[in-house]
PDB file of N, CA and C in Angstrom:
ATOM      1  N   UNK A   1       3.163 -80.917  -7.373  1.00  0.00           N
ATOM      2  CA  UNK A   1       4.190 -81.063  -7.236  1.00  0.00           C
ATOM      3  C   UNK A   1       3.960 -81.510  -6.121  1.00  0.00           C
ATOM      4  N   UNK A   2       3.757 -81.942  -5.316  1.00  0.00           N
ATOM      5  CA  UNK A   2       3.790 -82.000  -3.963  1.00  0.00           C
ATOM      6  C   UNK A   2       4.786 -81.768  -3.295  1.00  0.00           C
ATOM      7  N   UNK A   3       4.941 -80.927  -2.080  1.00  0.00           N
ATOM      8  CA  UNK A   3       5.026 -80.354  -0.996  1.00  0.00           C
ATOM      9  C   UNK A   3       6.160 -81.359  -0.221  1.00  0.00           C
ATOM     10  N   UNK A   4       4.848 -82.019   0.065  1.00  0.00           N
ATOM     11  CA  UNK A   4       4.876 -83.374   1.202  1.00  0.00           C
ATOM     12  C   UNK A   4       5.236 -82.241   3.017  1.00  0.00           C
ATOM     13  N   UNK A   5       4.507 -81.942   2.831  1.00  0.00           N
ATOM     14  CA  UNK A   5       4.562 -81.093   4.341  1.00  0.00           C
ATOM     15  C   UNK A   5       5.383 -79.620   4.585  1.00  0.00           C
ATOM     16  N   UNK A   6       5.821 -79.412   3.528  1.00  0.00           N
ATOM     17  CA  UNK A   6       7.403 -78.553   4.062  1.00  0.00           C
ATOM     18  C   UNK A   6       6.064 -76.987   3.080  1.00  0.00           C
ATOM     19  N   UNK A   7       6.764 -76.138   4.210  1.00  0.00           N
ATOM     20  CA  UNK A   7       6.283 -74.498   3.534  1.00  0.00           C
ATOM     21  C   UNK A   7       6.838 -73.647   2.434  1.00  0.00           C
ATOM     22  N   UNK A   8       7.848 -74.141   2.147  1.00  0.00           N
ATOM     23  CA  UNK A   8       9.361 -73.877   0.937  1.00  0.00           C
ATOM     24  C   UNK A   8       9.221 -75.071   0.179  1.00  0.00           C
ATOM     25  N   UNK A   9       9.531 -74.337  -1.358  1.00  0.00           N
ATOM     26  CA  UNK A   9      10.405 -75.794  -1.664  1.00  0.00           C
ATOM     27  C   UNK A   9      11.192 -75.610  -2.765  1.00  0.00           C
ATOM     28  N   UNK A  10      11.848 -75.547  -3.348  1.00  0.00           N
ATOM     29  CA  UNK A  10      12.197 -75.645  -4.874  1.00  0.00           C
ATOM     30  C   UNK A  10      12.607 -76.745  -5.571  1.00  0.00           C
ATOM     31  N   UNK A  11      11.129 -76.766  -7.294  1.00  0.00           N
ATOM     32  CA  UNK A  11      11.247 -78.156  -7.404  1.00  0.00           C
ATOM     33  C   UNK A  11      12.040 -77.240  -9.275  1.00  0.00           C
ATOM     34  N   UNK A  12      13.276 -78.915  -9.631  1.00  0.00           N
ATOM     35  CA  UNK A  12      13.672 -78.497 -10.675  1.00  0.00           C
ATOM     36  C   UNK A  12      13.698 -79.171 -12.099  1.00  0.00           C
ATOM     37  N   UNK A  13      12.592 -78.695 -13.036  1.00  0.00           N
ATOM     38  CA  UNK A  13      12.238 -79.230 -13.791  1.00  0.00           C
ATOM     39  C   UNK A  13      12.512 -79.091 -15.213  1.00  0.00           C
ATOM     40  N   UNK A  14      12.605 -79.731 -16.313  1.00  0.00           N
ATOM     41  CA  UNK A  14      13.092 -79.373 -17.435  1.00  0.00           C
ATOM     42  C   UNK A  14      12.024 -79.161 -18.618  1.00  0.00           C
ATOM     43  N   UNK A  15      11.313 -78.603 -18.963  1.00  0.00           N
ATOM     44  CA  UNK A  15      10.111 -78.617 -19.893  1.00  0.00           C
ATOM     45  C   UNK A  15      10.516 -78.881 -21.862  1.00  0.00           C
ATOM     46  N   UNK A  16      11.962 -78.203 -22.233  1.00  0.00           N
ATOM     47  CA  UNK A  16      12.017 -78.893 -23.588  1.00  0.00           C
ATOM     48  C   UNK A  16      13.468 -77.775 -23.859  1.00  0.00           C
ATOM     49  N   UNK A  17      13.678 -78.655 -24.774  1.00  0.00           N
ATOM     50  CA  UNK A  17      14.826 -77.905 -25.444  1.00  0.00           C
ATOM     51  C   UNK A  17      14.548 -76.708 -26.021  1.00  0.00           C
ATOM     52  N   UNK A  18      15.670 -75.326 -25.855  1.00  0.00           N
ATOM     53  CA  UNK A  18      15.864 -74.324 -26.284  1.00  0.00           C
ATOM     54  C   UNK A  18      16.862 -74.386 -27.183  1.00  0.00           C
ATOM     55  N   UNK A  19      16.438 -72.782 -28.503  1.00  0.00           N
ATOM     56  CA  UNK A  19      17.737 -73.192 -29.120  1.00  0.00           C
ATOM     57  C   UNK A  19      18.117 -71.556 -29.042  1.00  0.00           C
ATOM     58  N   UNK A  20      19.050 -70.976 -28.749  1.00  0.00           N
ATOM     59  CA  UNK A  20      20.060 -70.119 -28.958  1.00  0.00           C
ATOM     60  C   UNK A  20      19.725 -69.545 -29.865  1.00  0.00           C
ATOM     61  N   UNK A  21      19.019 -69.807 -31.097  1.00  0.00           N
ATOM     62  CA  UNK A  21      18.760 -68.486 -32.852  1.00  0.00           C
ATOM     63  C   UNK A  21      17.669 -68.914 -32.974  1.00  0.00           C
ATOM     64  N   UNK A  22      16.420 -68.796 -31.874  1.00  0.00           N
ATOM     65  CA  UNK A  22      14.702 -68.972 -32.375  1.00  0.00           C
ATOM     66  C   UNK A  22      14.532 -68.237 -30.688  1.00  0.00           C
ATOM     67  N   UNK A  23      14.899 -67.365 -30.471  1.00  0.00           N
ATOM     68  CA  UNK A  23      14.373 -66.310 -29.664  1.00  0.00           C
ATOM     69  C   UNK A  23      13.242 -65.956 -29.522  1.00  0.00           C
ATOM     70  N   UNK A  24      12.553 -65.732 -30.188  1.00  0.00           N
ATOM     71  CA  UNK A  24      11.281 -65.874 -30.801  1.00  0.00           C
ATOM     72  C   UNK A  24      10.369 -67.205 -30.413  1.00  0.00           C
ATOM     73  N   UNK A  25      10.768 -68.332 -29.680  1.00  0.00           N
ATOM     74  CA  UNK A  25       9.954 -69.245 -29.639  1.00  0.00           C
ATOM     75  C   UNK A  25       9.516 -68.819 -27.708  1.00  0.00           C
ATOM     76  N   UNK A  26       7.972 -69.998 -28.210  1.00  0.00           N
ATOM     77  CA  UNK A  26       7.555 -69.168 -26.572  1.00  0.00           C
ATOM     78  C   UNK A  26       6.700 -70.721 -26.770  1.00  0.00           C
ATOM     79  N   UNK A  27       5.900 -70.553 -25.136  1.00  0.00           N
ATOM     80  CA  UNK A  27       4.735 -71.447 -23.990  1.00  0.00           C
ATOM     81  C   UNK A  27       3.976 -70.856 -23.438  1.00  0.00           C
ATOM     82  N   UNK A  28       3.370 -71.684 -22.732  1.00  0.00           N
ATOM     83  CA  UNK A  28       3.195 -71.739 -21.515  1.00  0.00           C
ATOM     84  C   UNK A  28       2.739 -72.528 -20.182  1.00  0.00           C
ATOM     85  N   UNK A  29       2.851 -72.546 -19.716  1.00  0.00           N
ATOM     86  CA  UNK A  29       2.788 -72.936 -18.444  1.00  0.00           C
ATOM     87  C   UNK A  29       1.863 -72.904 -17.620  1.00  0.00           C
ATOM     88  N   UNK A  30       1.609 -73.973 -17.100  1.00  0.00           N
ATOM     89  CA  UNK A  30       0.189 -73.968 -16.418  1.00  0.00           C
ATOM     90  C   UNK A  30      -0.064 -75.124 -14.832  1.00  0.00           C
ATOM     91  N   UNK A  31      -0.510 -74.985 -14.396  1.00  0.00           N
ATOM     92  CA  UNK A  31      -0.625 -75.866 -12.405  1.00  0.00           C
ATOM     93  C   UNK A  31      -1.876 -75.178 -11.501  1.00  0.00           C
ATOM     94  N   UNK A  32      -1.822 -76.419 -10.562  1.00  0.00           N
ATOM     95  CA  UNK A  32      -2.750 -75.855  -9.732  1.00  0.00           C
ATOM     96  C   UNK A  32      -2.005 -75.523  -7.945  1.00  0.00           C
ATOM     97  N   UNK A  33      -2.678 -74.620  -7.140  1.00  0.00           N
ATOM     98  CA  UNK A  33      -1.607 -74.785  -6.750  1.00  0.00           C
ATOM     99  C   UNK A  33      -2.373 -74.386  -5.261  1.00  0.00           C
ATOM    100  N   UNK A  34      -1.792 -75.863  -4.626  1.00  0.00           N
ATOM    101  CA  UNK A  34      -2.923 -76.026  -3.574  1.00  0.00           C
ATOM    102  C   UNK A  34      -1.988 -76.064  -2.383  1.00  0.00           C
ATOM    103  N   UNK A  35      -2.459 -76.169  -1.316  1.00  0.00           N
ATOM    104  CA  UNK A  35      -1.974 -75.744  -0.031  1.00  0.00           C
ATOM    105  C   UNK A  35      -2.627 -76.951   1.420  1.00  0.00           C
ATOM    106  N   UNK A  36      -2.401 -76.943   2.485  1.00  0.00           N
ATOM    107  CA  UNK A  36      -2.874 -77.962   3.555  1.00  0.00           C
ATOM    108  C   UNK A  36      -3.886 -78.720   3.141  1.00  0.00           C
ATOM    109  N   UNK A  37      -3.167 -80.318   3.343  1.00  0.00           N
ATOM    110  CA  UNK A  37      -4.587 -81.204   3.002  1.00  0.00           C
ATOM    111  C   UNK A  37      -4.161 -81.592   0.965  1.00  0.00           C
ATOM    112  N   UNK A  38      -3.842 -80.315   0.585  1.00  0.00           N
ATOM    113  CA  UNK A  38      -4.324 -80.610  -1.290  1.00  0.00           C
ATOM    114  C   UNK A  38      -5.865 -79.512  -1.462  1.00  0.00           C
ATOM    115  N   UNK A  39      -6.080 -78.301  -0.256  1.00  0.00           N
ATOM    116  CA  UNK A  39      -6.818 -78.118  -1.267  1.00  0.00           C
ATOM    117  C   UNK A  39      -6.395 -76.610  -2.128  1.00  0.00           C
ATOM    118  N   UNK A  40      -6.946 -76.301  -3.150  1.00  0.00           N
ATOM    119  CA  UNK A  40      -7.369 -76.080  -3.846  1.00  0.00           C
ATOM    120  C   UNK A  40      -6.937 -73.879  -3.109  1.00  0.00           C
ATOM    121  N   UNK A  41      -6.227 -73.541  -3.766  1.00  0.00           N
ATOM    122  CA  UNK A  41      -5.617 -72.292  -3.068  1.00  0.00           C
ATOM    123  C   UNK A  41      -6.456 -70.792  -4.375  1.00  0.00           C
ATOM    124  N   UNK A  42      -7.317 -69.877  -4.030  1.00  0.00           N
ATOM    125  CA  UNK A  42      -7.604 -69.009  -4.926  1.00  0.00           C
ATOM    126  C   UNK A  42      -6.901 -68.043  -4.893  1.00  0.00           C
ATOM    127  N   UNK A  43      -6.837 -66.886  -5.557  1.00  0.00           N
ATOM    128  CA  UNK A  43      -6.152 -65.997  -6.051  1.00  0.00           C
ATOM    129  C   UNK A  43      -4.534 -65.457  -5.804  1.00  0.00           C
ATOM    130  N   UNK A  44      -3.152 -66.801  -5.223  1.00  0.00           N
ATOM    131  CA  UNK A  44      -2.678 -67.201  -5.372  1.00  0.00           C
ATOM    132  C   UNK A  44      -2.264 -66.026  -6.527  1.00  0.00           C
ATOM    133  N   UNK A  45      -1.168 -65.275  -5.981  1.00  0.00           N
ATOM    134  CA  UNK A  45       0.230 -64.477  -6.701  1.00  0.00           C
ATOM    135  C   UNK A  45       1.093 -65.245  -7.550  1.00  0.00           C
ATOM    136  N   UNK A  46       0.881 -65.871  -8.862  1.00  0.00           N
ATOM    137  CA  UNK A  46       1.873 -65.907  -9.925  1.00  0.00           C
ATOM    138  C   UNK A  46       2.535 -65.750  -9.921  1.00  0.00           C
ATOM    139  N   UNK A  47       4.206 -65.813  -9.905  1.00  0.00           N
ATOM    140  CA  UNK A  47       5.089 -64.577 -10.739  1.00  0.00           C
ATOM    141  C   UNK A  47       6.213 -65.567 -11.284  1.00  0.00           C
ATOM    142  N   UNK A  48       6.376 -65.505 -13.514  1.00  0.00           N
ATOM    143  CA  UNK A  48       7.664 -65.245 -13.634  1.00  0.00           C
ATOM    144  C   UNK A  48       8.230 -64.945 -14.025  1.00  0.00           C
ATOM    145  N   UNK A  49       9.386 -64.726 -14.432  1.00  0.00           N
ATOM    146  CA  UNK A  49      10.453 -64.053 -15.935  1.00  0.00           C
ATOM    147  C   UNK A  49      10.177 -63.241 -16.707  1.00  0.00           C
ATOM    148  N   UNK A  50       9.592 -62.115 -17.487  1.00  0.00           N
ATOM    149  CA  UNK A  50       9.735 -62.040 -18.592  1.00  0.00           C
ATOM    150  C   UNK A  50       7.751 -62.062 -19.051  1.00  0.00           C
ATOM    151  N   UNK A  51       7.259 -62.064 -18.227  1.00  0.00           N
ATOM    152  CA  UNK A  51       5.415 -62.187 -18.686  1.00  0.00           C
ATOM    153  C   UNK A  51       4.875 -61.862 -17.716  1.00  0.00           C
ATOM    154  N   UNK A  52       3.410 -61.064 -17.884  1.00  0.00           N
ATOM    155  CA  UNK A  52       2.920 -60.595 -16.647  1.00  0.00           C
ATOM    156  C   UNK A  52       2.622 -61.463 -15.310  1.00  0.00           C
ATOM    157  N   UNK A  53       2.474 -61.430 -14.367  1.00  0.00           N
ATOM    158  CA  UNK A  53       2.203 -61.559 -13.416  1.00  0.00           C
ATOM    159  C   UNK A  53       0.343 -62.127 -13.029  1.00  0.00           C
ATOM    160  N   UNK A  54      -0.063 -63.181 -13.224  1.00  0.00           N
ATOM    161  CA  UNK A  54      -1.376 -63.949 -12.966  1.00  0.00           C
ATOM    162  C   UNK A  54      -1.879 -64.653 -11.396  1.00  0.00           C
ATOM    163  N   UNK A  55      -3.180 -64.503 -11.024  1.00  0.00           N
ATOM    164  CA  UNK A  55      -3.346 -64.924 -10.114  1.00  0.00           C
ATOM    165  C   UNK A  55      -4.473 -66.345 -10.252  1.00  0.00           C
ATOM    166  N   UNK A  56      -3.913 -67.468  -8.875  1.00  0.00           N
ATOM    167  CA  UNK A  56      -4.571 -68.257  -9.290  1.00  0.00           C
ATOM    168  C   UNK A  56      -7.022 -68.334  -8.925  1.00  0.00           C
ATOM    169  N   UNK A  57      -7.121 -69.099  -9.708  1.00  0.00           N
ATOM    170  CA  UNK A  57      -8.743 -69.411  -9.785  1.00  0.00           C
ATOM    171  C   UNK A  57      -9.454 -69.999  -8.552  1.00  0.00           C
ATOM    172  N   UNK A  58     -10.541 -70.029  -8.302  1.00  0.00           N
ATOM    173  CA  UNK A  58     -11.234 -70.079  -7.762  1.00  0.00           C
ATOM    174  C   UNK A  58     -10.923 -71.267  -7.000  1.00  0.00           C
ATOM    175  N   UNK A  59     -10.527 -72.727  -7.807  1.00  0.00           N
ATOM    176  CA  UNK A  59     -10.293 -74.063  -7.561  1.00  0.00           C
ATOM    177  C   UNK A  59      -8.179 -74.199  -7.781  1.00  0.00           C
ATOM    178  N   UNK A  60      -8.138 -73.287  -8.161  1.00  0.00           N
ATOM    179  CA  UNK A  60      -6.361 -73.153  -7.885  1.00  0.00           C
ATOM    180  C   UNK A  60      -5.233 -73.186  -8.568  1.00  0.00           C
ATOM    181  N   UNK A  61      -5.990 -73.175 -10.081  1.00  0.00           N
ATOM    182  CA  UNK A  61      -5.514 -73.044 -11.830  1.00  0.00           C
ATOM    183  C   UNK A  61      -5.152 -71.849 -11.630  1.00  0.00           C
ATOM    184  N   UNK A  62      -3.917 -71.397 -12.309  1.00  0.00           N
ATOM    185  CA  UNK A  62      -3.538 -70.875 -13.773  1.00  0.00           C
ATOM    186  C   UNK A  62      -2.799 -70.847 -14.062  1.00  0.00           C
ATOM    187  N   UNK A  63      -2.872 -70.004 -15.459  1.00  0.00           N
ATOM    188  CA  UNK A  63      -1.990 -70.801 -17.135  1.00  0.00           C
ATOM    189  C   UNK A  63      -1.490 -69.252 -17.356  1.00  0.00           C
ATOM    190  N   UNK A  64       0.031 -69.799 -17.826  1.00  0.00           N
ATOM    191  CA  UNK A  64       0.768 -68.050 -17.903  1.00  0.00           C
ATOM    192  C   UNK A  64       1.335 -68.436 -19.117  1.00  0.00           C
ATOM    193  N   UNK A  65       0.930 -67.500 -20.107  1.00  0.00           N
ATOM    194  CA  UNK A  65       1.067 -67.717 -21.667  1.00  0.00           C
ATOM    195  C   UNK A  65       2.570 -66.824 -22.393  1.00  0.00           C
ATOM    196  N   UNK A  66       2.714 -67.452 -23.248  1.00  0.00           N
ATOM    197  CA  UNK A  66       3.706 -66.571 -24.309  1.00  0.00           C
ATOM    198  C   UNK A  66       5.386 -66.259 -23.085  1.00  0.00           C
ATOM    199  N   UNK A  67       5.304 -67.921 -22.767  1.00  0.00           N
ATOM    200  CA  UNK A  67       6.998 -68.080 -21.256  1.00  0.00           C
ATOM    201  C   UNK A  67       8.156 -67.773 -22.783  1.00  0.00           C
ATOM    202  N   UNK A  68       9.069 -67.174 -22.471  1.00  0.00           N
ATOM    203  CA  UNK A  68       9.654 -67.674 -23.300  1.00  0.00           C
ATOM    204  C   UNK A  68      10.876 -68.298 -23.657  1.00  0.00           C
ATOM    205  N   UNK A  69      11.143 -69.316 -24.524  1.00  0.00           N
ATOM    206  CA  UNK A  69      11.942 -70.890 -24.001  1.00  0.00           C
ATOM    207  C   UNK A  69      13.062 -70.818 -23.139  1.00  0.00           C
ATOM    208  N   UNK A  70      13.254 -71.531 -22.398  1.00  0.00           N
ATOM    209  CA  UNK A  70      14.842 -71.725 -21.496  1.00  0.00           C
ATOM    210  C   UNK A  70      14.257 -71.807 -20.466  1.00  0.00           C
ATOM    211  N   UNK A  71      15.736 -71.931 -19.390  1.00  0.00           N
ATOM    212  CA  UNK A  71      15.214 -72.059 -18.128  1.00  0.00           C
ATOM    213  C   UNK A  71      14.336 -70.828 -17.772  1.00  0.00           C
ATOM    214  N   UNK A  72      13.026 -71.193 -16.580  1.00  0.00           N
ATOM    215  CA  UNK A  72      11.673 -70.227 -15.950  1.00  0.00           C
ATOM    216  C   UNK A  72      12.451 -70.507 -14.213  1.00  0.00           C
ATOM    217  N   UNK A  73      12.048 -69.526 -13.245  1.00  0.00           N
ATOM    218  CA  UNK A  73      12.055 -69.446 -11.830  1.00  0.00           C
ATOM    219  C   UNK A  73      10.289 -68.922 -12.319  1.00  0.00           C
ATOM    220  N   UNK A  74       9.655 -70.199 -11.421  1.00  0.00           N
ATOM    221  CA  UNK A  74       8.230 -69.555 -11.281  1.00  0.00           C
ATOM    222  C   UNK A  74       8.212 -69.557  -9.598  1.00  0.00           C
ATOM    223  N   UNK A  75       7.032 -68.480  -9.026  1.00  0.00           N
ATOM    224  CA  UNK A  75       7.731 -67.555  -7.608  1.00  0.00           C
ATOM    225  C   UNK A  75       5.842 -67.627  -7.018  1.00  0.00           C
ATOM    226  N   UNK A  76       5.815 -68.718  -6.259  1.00  0.00           N
ATOM    227  CA  UNK A  76       3.773 -68.703  -5.861  1.00  0.00           C
ATOM    228  C   UNK A  76       3.471 -67.868  -4.768  1.00  0.00           C
ATOM    229  N   UNK A  77       2.945 -67.150  -4.232  1.00  0.00           N
ATOM    230  CA  UNK A  77       2.507 -65.973  -3.255  1.00  0.00           C
ATOM    231  C   UNK A  77       1.437 -66.721  -3.032  1.00  0.00           C
ATOM    232  N   UNK A  78       1.414 -66.584  -1.332  1.00  0.00           N
ATOM    233  CA  UNK A  78       0.202 -66.955  -0.836  1.00  0.00           C
ATOM    234  C   UNK A  78       0.006 -67.295   0.783  1.00  0.00           C
ATOM    235  N   UNK A  79      -1.499 -67.194   1.040  1.00  0.00           N
ATOM    236  CA  UNK A  79      -1.329 -67.235   2.974  1.00  0.00           C
ATOM    237  C   UNK A  79      -2.681 -68.657   2.477  1.00  0.00           C
ATOM    238  N   UNK A  80      -2.193 -69.064   3.595  1.00  0.00           N
ATOM    239  CA  UNK A  80      -2.751 -70.745   3.339  1.00  0.00           C
ATOM    240  C   UNK A  80      -3.086 -70.807   5.156  1.00  0.00           C
TER     241      UNK A  80
END
């Protein structure tokens, strides 16, 4: 999701339907964090509700596993 030169942005995504009757449904979120010029950001903090925080790898990638179904907000903190 390119930020088009914005320093802070919000993007809303629909990843799939959730069922109120299936509270045990889990999924994964993966992505790449980039900074100025599309350069990958290593060691950026990635936070999502109800799961442990993680950090990006040297090439900017992250994976959050065990994410409960439904709407989630993801926050990324990094200094570029």
